């Protein structure tokens, strides 16, 4: 089993299913999961316009991965949440390749179904460019 897993999450049902798969891959004796959530430029701008403070924006973003955080807490799986800014695919790849992860787990589809149909999915882009093994969860 793996000691260091990266889970790419966006708050979708697919990312929660990916978290459940990560649970099976993690070594129960010293393993940990880093959860990465990427905020793209347009979402970041909307957040600033809609919310009064940086604290409110940060809480809204953490809410996206709250179900995953609660799942890992229930299962007593050590985890850390990382919120990044940028284009999701490249940001995840860069974070993964710098972190020396043994495995990256990502949902097959996210919240943006239009992007999946027109431009290709983030999971596909990540799988092609990340240096560690990738599990794509349907």
Protein backbone atom coordinates (compact mmCIF):
# COMPACT_ATOMS: atom_id res chain seq x y z
CA UNK A 1 0.00 0.00 0.00
CA UNK A 2 1.00 3.62 -0.47
CA UNK A 3 2.43 5.98 2.14
CA UNK A 4 1.87 9.26 0.25
CA UNK A 5 -1.16 9.80 -2.00
CA UNK A 6 -2.39 12.94 -3.71
CA UNK A 7 -6.15 13.25 -4.19
CA UNK A 8 -7.32 15.86 -6.70
CA UNK A 9 -10.79 17.06 -5.68
CA UNK A 10 -13.32 19.63 -6.85
CA UNK A 11 -16.34 18.92 -4.68
CA UNK A 12 -18.06 16.69 -7.24
CA UNK A 13 -19.52 13.22 -6.60
CA UNK A 14 -16.65 11.79 -8.62
CA UNK A 15 -14.06 13.35 -6.31
CA UNK A 16 -15.82 11.88 -3.27
CA UNK A 17 -15.75 8.46 -4.94
CA UNK A 18 -12.04 9.03 -5.64
CA UNK A 19 -11.53 9.74 -1.92
CA UNK A 20 -13.17 6.43 -1.07
CA UNK A 21 -10.78 4.64 -3.44
CA UNK A 22 -7.81 6.48 -1.91
CA UNK A 23 -8.90 5.04 1.43
CA UNK A 24 -8.25 1.53 0.10
CA UNK A 25 -4.83 2.48 -1.28
CA UNK A 26 -3.40 4.21 1.79
CA UNK A 27 -1.13 2.36 4.19
CA UNK A 28 -2.89 2.32 7.57
CA UNK A 29 0.49 2.44 9.31
CA UNK A 30 1.95 5.83 8.53
CA UNK A 31 0.27 6.71 5.23
CA UNK A 32 -1.26 10.09 4.48
CA UNK A 33 -3.34 11.78 1.81
CA UNK A 34 -2.87 15.30 0.50
CA UNK A 35 -6.06 16.72 -0.98
CA UNK A 36 -5.64 19.40 -3.62
CA UNK A 37 -8.46 21.69 -4.77
CA UNK A 38 -7.70 24.17 -7.56
CA UNK A 39 -9.55 27.46 -7.97
CA UNK A 40 -9.37 28.73 -11.55
CA UNK A 41 -9.18 32.41 -12.48
CA UNK A 42 -12.87 32.99 -13.28
CA UNK A 43 -14.01 31.29 -10.06
CA UNK A 44 -11.52 33.35 -8.09
CA UNK A 45 -12.86 36.59 -9.58
CA UNK A 46 -16.46 35.59 -8.86
CA UNK A 47 -15.55 34.75 -5.26
CA UNK A 48 -14.04 38.19 -4.72
CA UNK A 49 -17.12 39.90 -6.16
CA UNK A 50 -19.63 37.83 -4.16
CA UNK A 51 -18.02 37.71 -0.73
CA UNK A 52 -17.13 40.45 1.73
CA UNK A 53 -13.89 39.11 3.20
CA UNK A 54 -10.95 36.83 2.49
CA UNK A 55 -12.02 34.64 5.41
CA UNK A 56 -15.45 34.17 3.85
CA UNK A 57 -13.86 33.24 0.50
CA UNK A 58 -11.50 30.77 2.20
CA UNK A 59 -14.41 29.14 4.07
CA UNK A 60 -16.42 28.82 0.84
CA UNK A 61 -13.50 27.10 -0.88
CA UNK A 62 -12.90 24.74 2.03
CA UNK A 63 -16.62 23.89 1.90
CA UNK A 64 -16.05 22.36 -1.57
CA UNK A 65 -13.91 19.61 -0.05
CA UNK A 66 -15.70 19.40 3.32
CA UNK A 67 -17.33 16.03 2.54
CA UNK A 68 -13.92 14.56 1.70
CA UNK A 69 -12.37 16.06 4.82
CA UNK A 70 -15.15 14.59 6.98
CA UNK A 71 -14.79 11.21 5.27
CA UNK A 72 -11.06 11.05 6.04
CA UNK A 73 -11.65 12.18 9.63
CA UNK A 74 -14.28 9.44 10.11
CA UNK A 75 -11.83 6.85 8.77
CA UNK A 76 -8.93 8.28 10.83
CA UNK A 77 -6.84 8.85 7.71
CA UNK A 78 -4.23 11.59 8.11
CA UNK A 79 -4.80 14.24 5.47
CA UNK A 80 -3.97 17.81 4.54
CA UNK A 81 -6.07 20.14 2.37
CA UNK A 82 -4.26 22.35 -0.17
CA UNK A 83 -6.12 25.08 -2.05
CA UNK A 84 -4.30 26.25 -5.17
CA UNK A 85 -5.01 28.89 -7.80
CA UNK A 86 -4.63 28.42 -11.50
CA UNK A 87 -5.73 26.22 -14.34
CA UNK A 88 -6.70 22.88 -12.74
CA UNK A 89 -4.77 20.48 -14.99
CA UNK A 90 -1.37 22.21 -14.94
CA UNK A 91 -1.69 23.19 -11.26
CA UNK A 92 -2.37 19.57 -10.22
CA UNK A 93 0.47 18.25 -12.39
CA UNK A 94 2.95 20.77 -10.99
CA UNK A 95 1.91 20.08 -7.38
CA UNK A 96 2.05 16.31 -7.90
CA UNK A 97 5.44 16.31 -9.59
CA UNK A 98 6.99 18.47 -6.86
CA UNK A 99 5.51 16.38 -4.04
CA UNK A 100 7.03 12.98 -4.77
CA UNK A 101 3.69 11.20 -4.45
CA UNK A 102 3.45 7.46 -4.93
CA UNK A 103 -0.01 7.70 -6.51
CA UNK A 104 -2.46 10.37 -7.65
CA UNK A 105 -6.18 9.63 -7.40
CA UNK A 106 -8.64 11.73 -9.40
CA UNK A 107 -12.29 11.49 -10.43
CA UNK A 108 -13.02 10.85 -14.09
CA UNK A 109 -15.34 13.85 -14.30
CA UNK A 110 -15.65 17.00 -12.30
CA UNK A 111 -18.16 19.76 -11.86
CA UNK A 112 -17.63 21.23 -15.33
CA UNK A 113 -19.35 18.85 -17.78
CA UNK A 114 -19.08 21.30 -20.71
CA UNK A 115 -15.28 21.41 -20.42
CA UNK A 116 -15.17 17.62 -20.25
CA UNK A 117 -17.13 17.31 -23.49
CA UNK A 118 -15.48 20.12 -25.47
CA UNK A 119 -11.87 20.42 -24.30
CA UNK A 120 -11.11 17.04 -22.77
CA UNK A 121 -11.14 16.25 -19.11
CA UNK A 122 -8.77 17.50 -16.44
CA UNK A 123 -8.20 13.89 -15.39
CA UNK A 124 -7.01 12.99 -18.89
CA UNK A 125 -4.63 15.97 -19.01
CA UNK A 126 -3.27 15.15 -15.57
CA UNK A 127 -2.80 11.44 -16.34
CA UNK A 128 -0.70 12.28 -19.42
CA UNK A 129 1.67 14.64 -17.62
CA UNK A 130 2.07 13.53 -14.00
CA UNK A 131 5.14 11.46 -13.12
CA UNK A 132 3.56 9.08 -10.60
CA UNK A 133 0.95 6.35 -11.20
CA UNK A 134 -2.59 7.70 -11.61
CA UNK A 135 -5.90 6.13 -10.67
CA UNK A 136 -8.91 7.65 -12.46
CA UNK A 137 -12.13 6.81 -10.66
CA UNK A 138 -15.49 6.62 -12.49
